[in-house]
């Protein structure tokens, strides 16, 4: 079982208490889905879930989403982000990947906070490929590219 941490000291929404269990191939190694497939499938799944909870007045029932079994499936799928290998992605692929991740994250945070904005909202993020990426990091990547003057945000590049 997974343990999701969500308090003022820890904002990575896909961090686990225990080592996540990933689907394994014939060699016993974790199977890695294509990063684009992973993000587009999860974004589509999340949007379908959100749309099923639009109320007659046009608002979204975030609390009900958080109790839906499909939401737990979505959260479990996000653990595959731990396996992302950035070395296999070009700069355009990385931008598309982080744009999708930012869109997923924004809805995920709203669901976790029951639709209430938070002053710490830009501090929420995901553990991806061995590193933590907050909303602020993702926006910086989208605005400035992968490299900054000081360092590469994903390492090695």
N, C-alpha and C. Protein backbone atom coordinates (compact mmCIF):
# COMPACT_ATOMS: atom_id res chain seq x y z
N UNK A 1 0.84 -1.18 0.00
CA UNK A 1 0.00 0.00 0.00
C UNK A 1 0.88 1.25 0.00
N UNK A 2 0.34 2.31 -0.54
CA UNK A 2 1.08 3.56 -0.67
C UNK A 2 0.66 4.52 0.43
N UNK A 3 1.58 5.36 0.81
CA UNK A 3 1.33 6.35 1.84
C UNK A 3 1.65 7.70 1.21
N UNK A 4 0.64 8.55 1.04
CA UNK A 4 0.85 9.84 0.41
C UNK A 4 1.07 10.90 1.48
N UNK A 5 2.16 11.59 1.36
CA UNK A 5 2.49 12.64 2.31
C UNK A 5 1.97 13.96 1.75
N UNK A 6 1.29 14.71 2.57
CA UNK A 6 0.80 16.00 2.13
C UNK A 6 0.69 16.89 3.36
N UNK A 7 1.79 17.47 3.77
CA UNK A 7 1.78 18.40 4.89
C UNK A 7 2.67 19.57 4.55
N UNK A 8 2.82 20.51 5.45
CA UNK A 8 3.55 21.72 5.11
C UNK A 8 5.04 21.50 4.92
N UNK A 9 5.59 20.39 5.31
CA UNK A 9 7.01 20.14 5.13
C UNK A 9 7.31 19.29 3.90
N UNK A 10 6.34 18.60 3.38
CA UNK A 10 6.57 17.67 2.27
C UNK A 10 5.47 17.82 1.24
N UNK A 11 5.84 18.21 0.04
CA UNK A 11 4.86 18.51 -0.98
C UNK A 11 4.98 17.63 -2.22
N UNK A 12 5.75 16.56 -2.18
CA UNK A 12 5.86 15.66 -3.33
C UNK A 12 4.69 14.68 -3.26
N UNK A 13 3.78 14.78 -4.22
CA UNK A 13 2.53 14.04 -4.15
C UNK A 13 2.65 12.56 -4.50
N UNK A 14 3.78 12.15 -5.08
CA UNK A 14 3.91 10.73 -5.42
C UNK A 14 5.05 10.06 -4.67
N UNK A 15 5.43 10.62 -3.54
CA UNK A 15 6.44 9.99 -2.69
C UNK A 15 5.77 8.89 -1.88
N UNK A 16 6.47 7.82 -1.68
CA UNK A 16 5.88 6.71 -0.95
C UNK A 16 6.68 6.41 0.31
N UNK A 17 5.99 5.85 1.27
CA UNK A 17 6.65 5.40 2.50
C UNK A 17 7.46 4.15 2.20
N UNK A 18 6.88 3.25 1.42
CA UNK A 18 7.54 2.02 1.04
C UNK A 18 8.00 2.11 -0.41
N UNK A 19 8.94 1.27 -0.79
CA UNK A 19 9.40 1.24 -2.17
C UNK A 19 8.22 0.87 -3.07
N UNK A 20 7.94 1.68 -4.10
CA UNK A 20 6.80 1.37 -4.96
C UNK A 20 7.01 0.07 -5.72
N UNK A 21 5.93 -0.64 -5.96
CA UNK A 21 5.97 -1.86 -6.77
C UNK A 21 5.62 -1.47 -8.20
N UNK A 22 6.50 -1.78 -9.12
CA UNK A 22 6.28 -1.49 -10.52
C UNK A 22 6.06 -2.79 -11.29
N UNK A 23 5.32 -2.70 -12.41
CA UNK A 23 5.20 -3.89 -13.25
C UNK A 23 6.60 -4.35 -13.68
N UNK A 24 6.84 -5.64 -13.70
CA UNK A 24 8.16 -6.17 -14.03
C UNK A 24 8.10 -6.98 -15.32
N UNK A 25 9.18 -6.87 -16.09
CA UNK A 25 9.29 -7.62 -17.34
C UNK A 25 9.88 -9.00 -17.09
N UNK A 26 10.22 -9.70 -18.17
CA UNK A 26 10.78 -11.05 -18.08
C UNK A 26 12.11 -11.09 -17.34
N UNK A 27 12.88 -10.01 -17.39
CA UNK A 27 14.18 -9.98 -16.73
C UNK A 27 14.08 -9.63 -15.25
N UNK A 28 12.89 -9.27 -14.80
CA UNK A 28 12.72 -8.87 -13.41
C UNK A 28 12.91 -7.38 -13.19
N UNK A 29 13.32 -6.67 -14.25
CA UNK A 29 13.50 -5.22 -14.15
C UNK A 29 12.15 -4.52 -14.29
N UNK A 30 11.98 -3.35 -13.65
CA UNK A 30 10.73 -2.61 -13.82
C UNK A 30 10.51 -2.24 -15.29
N UNK A 31 9.29 -2.37 -15.74
CA UNK A 31 8.92 -2.00 -17.10
C UNK A 31 8.69 -0.50 -17.14
N UNK A 32 9.34 0.16 -18.09
CA UNK A 32 9.19 1.61 -18.20
C UNK A 32 8.28 1.92 -19.38
N UNK A 33 7.18 2.62 -19.09
CA UNK A 33 6.31 3.08 -20.17
C UNK A 33 6.94 4.31 -20.80
N UNK A 34 6.59 4.56 -22.03
CA UNK A 34 7.05 5.77 -22.70
C UNK A 34 6.56 6.98 -21.90
N UNK A 35 7.46 7.95 -21.59
CA UNK A 35 7.04 9.10 -20.77
C UNK A 35 5.87 9.87 -21.36
N UNK A 36 5.84 10.00 -22.70
CA UNK A 36 4.73 10.72 -23.33
C UNK A 36 3.44 9.95 -23.13
N UNK A 37 3.47 8.63 -23.30
CA UNK A 37 2.27 7.81 -23.09
C UNK A 37 1.81 7.91 -21.64
N UNK A 38 2.76 7.84 -20.72
CA UNK A 38 2.43 7.91 -19.30
C UNK A 38 1.72 9.21 -18.95
N UNK A 39 2.27 10.34 -19.42
CA UNK A 39 1.65 11.63 -19.07
C UNK A 39 0.34 11.85 -19.81
N UNK A 40 0.28 11.51 -21.09
CA UNK A 40 -0.96 11.76 -21.83
C UNK A 40 -2.08 10.85 -21.33
N UNK A 41 -1.77 9.59 -21.01
CA UNK A 41 -2.79 8.69 -20.47
C UNK A 41 -3.29 9.17 -19.12
N UNK A 42 -2.37 9.60 -18.25
CA UNK A 42 -2.79 10.06 -16.92
C UNK A 42 -3.55 11.37 -16.99
N UNK A 43 -3.16 12.28 -17.90
CA UNK A 43 -3.88 13.54 -18.02
C UNK A 43 -5.28 13.27 -18.55
N UNK A 44 -5.39 12.41 -19.56
CA UNK A 44 -6.71 12.08 -20.09
C UNK A 44 -7.60 11.42 -19.04
N UNK A 45 -7.02 10.51 -18.29
CA UNK A 45 -7.74 9.80 -17.23
C UNK A 45 -8.20 10.79 -16.16
N UNK A 46 -7.33 11.71 -15.78
CA UNK A 46 -7.67 12.69 -14.76
C UNK A 46 -8.77 13.64 -15.25
N UNK A 47 -8.68 14.08 -16.51
CA UNK A 47 -9.70 14.99 -17.04
C UNK A 47 -11.06 14.29 -17.12
N UNK A 48 -11.05 13.02 -17.50
CA UNK A 48 -12.30 12.25 -17.53
C UNK A 48 -12.90 12.17 -16.13
N UNK A 49 -12.05 11.95 -15.14
CA UNK A 49 -12.50 11.87 -13.75
C UNK A 49 -13.05 13.21 -13.29
N UNK A 50 -12.32 14.29 -13.56
CA UNK A 50 -12.77 15.63 -13.14
C UNK A 50 -14.10 15.97 -13.81
N UNK A 51 -14.22 15.69 -15.10
CA UNK A 51 -15.46 16.01 -15.82
C UNK A 51 -16.66 15.24 -15.27
N UNK A 52 -16.42 14.08 -14.70
CA UNK A 52 -17.54 13.31 -14.14
C UNK A 52 -18.03 13.90 -12.82
N UNK A 53 -17.34 14.89 -12.28
CA UNK A 53 -17.74 15.51 -11.02
C UNK A 53 -18.03 17.01 -11.17
N UNK A 54 -18.39 17.43 -12.39
CA UNK A 54 -18.80 18.82 -12.57
C UNK A 54 -20.25 18.94 -12.11
N UNK A 55 -20.47 19.87 -11.21
CA UNK A 55 -21.80 20.07 -10.63
C UNK A 55 -22.65 20.93 -11.56
N UNK A 56 -23.98 20.95 -11.37
CA UNK A 56 -24.86 21.74 -12.24
C UNK A 56 -24.50 23.22 -12.31
N UNK A 57 -23.90 23.75 -11.24
CA UNK A 57 -23.54 25.17 -11.26
C UNK A 57 -22.19 25.42 -11.92
N UNK A 58 -21.56 24.34 -12.44
CA UNK A 58 -20.29 24.49 -13.16
C UNK A 58 -19.05 24.32 -12.30
N UNK A 59 -19.22 24.20 -10.99
CA UNK A 59 -18.08 23.97 -10.11
C UNK A 59 -17.72 22.49 -10.10
N UNK A 60 -16.59 22.16 -9.53
CA UNK A 60 -16.12 20.78 -9.49
C UNK A 60 -16.14 20.29 -8.05
N UNK A 61 -16.66 19.10 -7.84
CA UNK A 61 -16.73 18.50 -6.51
C UNK A 61 -15.41 17.76 -6.24
N UNK A 62 -14.39 18.51 -5.85
CA UNK A 62 -13.05 17.95 -5.64
C UNK A 62 -13.02 16.91 -4.52
N UNK A 63 -13.81 17.14 -3.49
CA UNK A 63 -13.80 16.20 -2.37
C UNK A 63 -14.29 14.82 -2.81
N UNK A 64 -15.35 14.78 -3.61
CA UNK A 64 -15.85 13.49 -4.09
C UNK A 64 -14.82 12.80 -4.98
N UNK A 65 -14.11 13.57 -5.79
CA UNK A 65 -13.06 12.99 -6.64
C UNK A 65 -12.04 12.27 -5.76
N UNK A 66 -11.65 12.92 -4.66
CA UNK A 66 -10.61 12.35 -3.81
C UNK A 66 -11.02 11.02 -3.17
N UNK A 67 -12.31 10.72 -3.15
CA UNK A 67 -12.80 9.47 -2.57
C UNK A 67 -13.13 8.41 -3.64
N UNK A 68 -13.00 8.79 -4.89
CA UNK A 68 -13.34 7.88 -5.99
C UNK A 68 -12.22 6.84 -6.17
N UNK A 69 -12.60 5.58 -6.39
CA UNK A 69 -11.61 4.51 -6.60
C UNK A 69 -10.71 4.81 -7.79
N UNK A 70 -11.27 5.46 -8.82
CA UNK A 70 -10.48 5.79 -10.01
C UNK A 70 -9.36 6.78 -9.68
N UNK A 71 -9.58 7.61 -8.69
CA UNK A 71 -8.55 8.57 -8.28
C UNK A 71 -7.36 7.83 -7.65
N UNK A 72 -7.63 6.78 -6.90
CA UNK A 72 -6.54 5.97 -6.32
C UNK A 72 -5.75 5.28 -7.42
N UNK A 73 -6.41 4.83 -8.47
CA UNK A 73 -5.71 4.23 -9.61
C UNK A 73 -4.79 5.27 -10.25
N UNK A 74 -5.31 6.48 -10.44
CA UNK A 74 -4.52 7.58 -10.99
C UNK A 74 -3.29 7.83 -10.12
N UNK A 75 -3.47 7.93 -8.80
CA UNK A 75 -2.34 8.19 -7.91
C UNK A 75 -1.31 7.06 -7.96
N UNK A 76 -1.77 5.83 -8.02
CA UNK A 76 -0.84 4.70 -8.10
C UNK A 76 -0.04 4.74 -9.40
N UNK A 77 -0.68 5.11 -10.50
CA UNK A 77 0.03 5.22 -11.78
C UNK A 77 1.14 6.25 -11.73
N UNK A 78 0.97 7.29 -10.93
CA UNK A 78 1.98 8.34 -10.86
C UNK A 78 3.31 7.86 -10.27
N UNK A 79 3.30 6.71 -9.63
CA UNK A 79 4.55 6.19 -9.09
C UNK A 79 5.51 5.76 -10.20
N UNK A 80 4.98 5.54 -11.39
CA UNK A 80 5.84 5.21 -12.52
C UNK A 80 6.76 6.37 -12.89
N UNK A 81 6.44 7.56 -12.44
CA UNK A 81 7.31 8.71 -12.71
C UNK A 81 8.69 8.52 -12.09
N UNK A 82 8.78 7.70 -11.07
CA UNK A 82 10.08 7.42 -10.44
C UNK A 82 11.05 6.81 -11.45
N UNK A 83 10.51 6.13 -12.47
CA UNK A 83 11.34 5.40 -13.42
C UNK A 83 11.76 6.21 -14.65
N UNK A 84 11.26 7.43 -14.79
CA UNK A 84 11.55 8.23 -15.99
C UNK A 84 13.05 8.39 -16.16
N UNK A 85 13.51 8.21 -17.39
CA UNK A 85 14.92 8.40 -17.74
C UNK A 85 15.00 9.60 -18.69
N UNK A 86 15.49 10.72 -18.19
CA UNK A 86 15.56 11.94 -18.98
C UNK A 86 16.55 11.84 -20.13
N UNK A 87 17.54 10.98 -20.00
CA UNK A 87 18.56 10.85 -21.05
C UNK A 87 17.98 10.37 -22.36
N UNK A 88 16.83 9.74 -22.31
CA UNK A 88 16.20 9.22 -23.53
C UNK A 88 15.30 10.24 -24.21
N UNK A 89 15.23 11.46 -23.67
CA UNK A 89 14.31 12.47 -24.19
C UNK A 89 15.08 13.66 -24.75
N UNK A 90 14.65 14.14 -25.92
CA UNK A 90 15.21 15.36 -26.49
C UNK A 90 14.60 16.58 -25.83
N UNK A 91 15.09 17.76 -26.16
CA UNK A 91 14.61 18.98 -25.49
C UNK A 91 13.13 19.25 -25.78
N UNK A 92 12.65 18.98 -27.00
CA UNK A 92 11.23 19.17 -27.29
C UNK A 92 10.38 18.17 -26.51
N UNK A 93 10.84 16.94 -26.44
CA UNK A 93 10.11 15.93 -25.67
C UNK A 93 10.04 16.31 -24.20
N UNK A 94 11.14 16.85 -23.69
CA UNK A 94 11.16 17.26 -22.28
C UNK A 94 10.15 18.37 -22.02
N UNK A 95 10.07 19.34 -22.95
CA UNK A 95 9.12 20.44 -22.75
C UNK A 95 7.69 19.93 -22.77
N UNK A 96 7.38 19.04 -23.72
CA UNK A 96 6.03 18.48 -23.79
C UNK A 96 5.74 17.67 -22.51
N UNK A 97 6.72 16.89 -22.09
CA UNK A 97 6.57 16.10 -20.87
C UNK A 97 6.26 16.99 -19.68
N UNK A 98 7.05 18.06 -19.49
CA UNK A 98 6.84 18.92 -18.32
C UNK A 98 5.57 19.76 -18.44
N UNK A 99 5.14 20.09 -19.64
CA UNK A 99 3.87 20.79 -19.80
C UNK A 99 2.72 19.88 -19.37
N UNK A 100 2.77 18.62 -19.81
CA UNK A 100 1.75 17.66 -19.38
C UNK A 100 1.80 17.45 -17.87
N UNK A 101 3.00 17.32 -17.31
CA UNK A 101 3.14 17.12 -15.87
C UNK A 101 2.59 18.31 -15.09
N UNK A 102 2.85 19.51 -15.57
CA UNK A 102 2.36 20.71 -14.90
C UNK A 102 0.83 20.73 -14.89
N UNK A 103 0.22 20.37 -16.01
CA UNK A 103 -1.25 20.34 -16.07
C UNK A 103 -1.82 19.28 -15.13
N UNK A 104 -1.19 18.10 -15.11
CA UNK A 104 -1.63 17.04 -14.20
C UNK A 104 -1.48 17.51 -12.76
N UNK A 105 -0.33 18.08 -12.44
CA UNK A 105 -0.04 18.50 -11.07
C UNK A 105 -1.02 19.56 -10.58
N UNK A 106 -1.35 20.51 -11.42
CA UNK A 106 -2.27 21.57 -10.99
C UNK A 106 -3.63 21.01 -10.59
N UNK A 107 -4.15 20.09 -11.37
CA UNK A 107 -5.42 19.46 -10.98
C UNK A 107 -5.25 18.58 -9.75
N UNK A 108 -4.15 17.85 -9.68
CA UNK A 108 -3.90 16.96 -8.55
C UNK A 108 -3.87 17.76 -7.25
N UNK A 109 -3.21 18.91 -7.26
CA UNK A 109 -3.13 19.75 -6.07
C UNK A 109 -4.53 20.25 -5.69
N UNK A 110 -5.30 20.70 -6.67
CA UNK A 110 -6.66 21.16 -6.36
C UNK A 110 -7.50 20.06 -5.73
N UNK A 111 -7.35 18.84 -6.23
CA UNK A 111 -8.11 17.72 -5.65
C UNK A 111 -7.65 17.47 -4.21
N UNK A 112 -6.34 17.46 -3.99
CA UNK A 112 -5.82 17.22 -2.64
C UNK A 112 -6.24 18.32 -1.66
N UNK A 113 -6.39 19.54 -2.15
CA UNK A 113 -6.76 20.67 -1.29
C UNK A 113 -8.25 20.97 -1.35
N UNK A 114 -9.03 20.05 -1.92
CA UNK A 114 -10.48 20.23 -2.08
C UNK A 114 -10.85 21.53 -2.78
N UNK A 115 -10.04 21.92 -3.75
CA UNK A 115 -10.35 23.09 -4.56
C UNK A 115 -9.91 24.41 -3.97
N UNK A 116 -9.34 24.38 -2.78
CA UNK A 116 -8.92 25.61 -2.13
C UNK A 116 -7.50 25.97 -2.54
N UNK A 117 -7.28 27.21 -2.96
CA UNK A 117 -5.90 27.61 -3.29
C UNK A 117 -5.04 27.64 -2.03
N UNK A 118 -3.76 27.48 -2.22
CA UNK A 118 -2.82 27.46 -1.10
C UNK A 118 -1.66 28.39 -1.40
N UNK A 119 -1.16 29.10 -0.39
CA UNK A 119 0.02 29.93 -0.62
C UNK A 119 1.24 29.09 -1.00
N UNK A 120 1.21 27.80 -0.67
CA UNK A 120 2.33 26.90 -0.98
C UNK A 120 2.10 26.11 -2.26
N UNK A 121 1.11 26.47 -3.04
CA UNK A 121 0.72 25.67 -4.20
C UNK A 121 1.88 25.45 -5.17
N UNK A 122 2.74 26.43 -5.35
CA UNK A 122 3.86 26.27 -6.29
C UNK A 122 4.95 25.35 -5.74
N UNK A 123 4.85 24.99 -4.46
CA UNK A 123 5.82 24.09 -3.84
C UNK A 123 5.47 22.62 -4.01
N UNK A 124 4.25 22.33 -4.44
CA UNK A 124 3.84 20.94 -4.66
C UNK A 124 4.52 20.42 -5.92
N UNK A 125 4.77 19.14 -5.94
CA UNK A 125 5.41 18.58 -7.12
C UNK A 125 5.39 17.07 -7.10
N UNK A 126 6.24 16.51 -7.97
CA UNK A 126 6.37 15.07 -8.09
C UNK A 126 7.83 14.66 -8.05
N UNK A 127 8.04 13.46 -7.62
CA UNK A 127 9.34 12.82 -7.65
C UNK A 127 9.41 12.14 -9.02
N UNK A 128 10.31 12.63 -9.89
CA UNK A 128 10.40 12.15 -11.27
C UNK A 128 11.84 11.79 -11.57
N UNK A 129 12.06 10.56 -11.96
CA UNK A 129 13.40 10.14 -12.40
C UNK A 129 14.50 10.41 -11.39
N UNK A 130 14.21 10.26 -10.12
CA UNK A 130 15.22 10.43 -9.09
C UNK A 130 15.37 11.85 -8.55
N UNK A 131 14.54 12.78 -9.03
CA UNK A 131 14.63 14.17 -8.57
C UNK A 131 13.24 14.70 -8.24
N UNK A 132 13.21 15.72 -7.39
CA UNK A 132 11.96 16.38 -7.05
C UNK A 132 11.76 17.57 -7.98
N UNK A 133 10.55 17.68 -8.54
CA UNK A 133 10.19 18.80 -9.40
C UNK A 133 8.91 19.41 -8.87
N UNK A 134 8.99 20.69 -8.48
CA UNK A 134 7.81 21.42 -8.02
C UNK A 134 7.16 22.10 -9.22
N UNK A 135 5.99 22.69 -8.98
CA UNK A 135 5.35 23.48 -10.03
C UNK A 135 6.29 24.58 -10.49
N UNK A 136 6.96 25.21 -9.55
CA UNK A 136 7.89 26.29 -9.91
C UNK A 136 9.01 25.79 -10.82
N UNK A 137 9.56 24.60 -10.52
CA UNK A 137 10.60 24.02 -11.37
C UNK A 137 10.08 23.77 -12.77
N UNK A 138 8.87 23.23 -12.86
CA UNK A 138 8.29 22.92 -14.17
C UNK A 138 8.07 24.18 -14.99
N UNK A 139 7.58 25.22 -14.34
CA UNK A 139 7.37 26.49 -15.04
C UNK A 139 8.71 27.06 -15.51
N UNK A 140 9.74 26.96 -14.67
CA UNK A 140 11.07 27.43 -15.06
C UNK A 140 11.58 26.67 -16.28
N UNK A 141 11.38 25.36 -16.30
CA UNK A 141 11.80 24.55 -17.45
C UNK A 141 11.06 24.98 -18.70
N UNK A 142 9.76 25.20 -18.58
CA UNK A 142 8.96 25.59 -19.75
C UNK A 142 9.35 26.99 -20.24
N UNK A 143 9.67 27.89 -19.34
CA UNK A 143 10.02 29.25 -19.73
C UNK A 143 11.47 29.41 -20.19
N UNK A 144 12.37 28.67 -19.55
CA UNK A 144 13.80 28.90 -19.79
C UNK A 144 14.53 27.71 -20.39
N UNK A 145 13.86 26.63 -20.62
CA UNK A 145 14.53 25.44 -21.11
C UNK A 145 15.09 24.62 -19.96
N UNK A 146 15.76 23.57 -20.32
CA UNK A 146 16.27 22.63 -19.34
C UNK A 146 17.47 23.17 -18.59
N UNK A 147 18.35 23.86 -19.28
CA UNK A 147 19.55 24.37 -18.64
C UNK A 147 19.33 25.79 -18.13
N UNK A 148 19.87 26.06 -16.99
CA UNK A 148 19.93 27.43 -16.49
C UNK A 148 21.40 27.80 -16.46
N UNK A 149 21.70 29.05 -16.19
CA UNK A 149 23.10 29.46 -16.13
C UNK A 149 23.86 28.74 -15.03
N UNK A 150 23.19 28.42 -13.95
CA UNK A 150 23.85 27.81 -12.81
C UNK A 150 23.95 26.30 -12.91
N UNK A 151 22.89 25.65 -13.42
CA UNK A 151 22.88 24.19 -13.39
C UNK A 151 21.82 23.66 -14.35
N UNK A 152 21.89 22.40 -14.60
CA UNK A 152 20.84 21.72 -15.34
C UNK A 152 19.82 21.26 -14.32
N UNK A 153 18.55 21.49 -14.59
CA UNK A 153 17.50 21.12 -13.64
C UNK A 153 17.31 19.62 -13.54
N UNK A 154 17.73 18.89 -14.58
CA UNK A 154 17.54 17.44 -14.53
C UNK A 154 18.85 16.71 -14.35
N UNK A 155 19.95 17.43 -14.19
CA UNK A 155 21.24 16.79 -14.03
C UNK A 155 21.76 16.30 -15.36
N UNK A 156 23.00 16.07 -15.49
CA UNK A 156 23.62 15.45 -16.64
C UNK A 156 23.47 16.14 -17.97
N UNK A 157 22.64 17.13 -18.14
CA UNK A 157 22.45 17.80 -19.43
C UNK A 157 23.07 19.15 -19.42
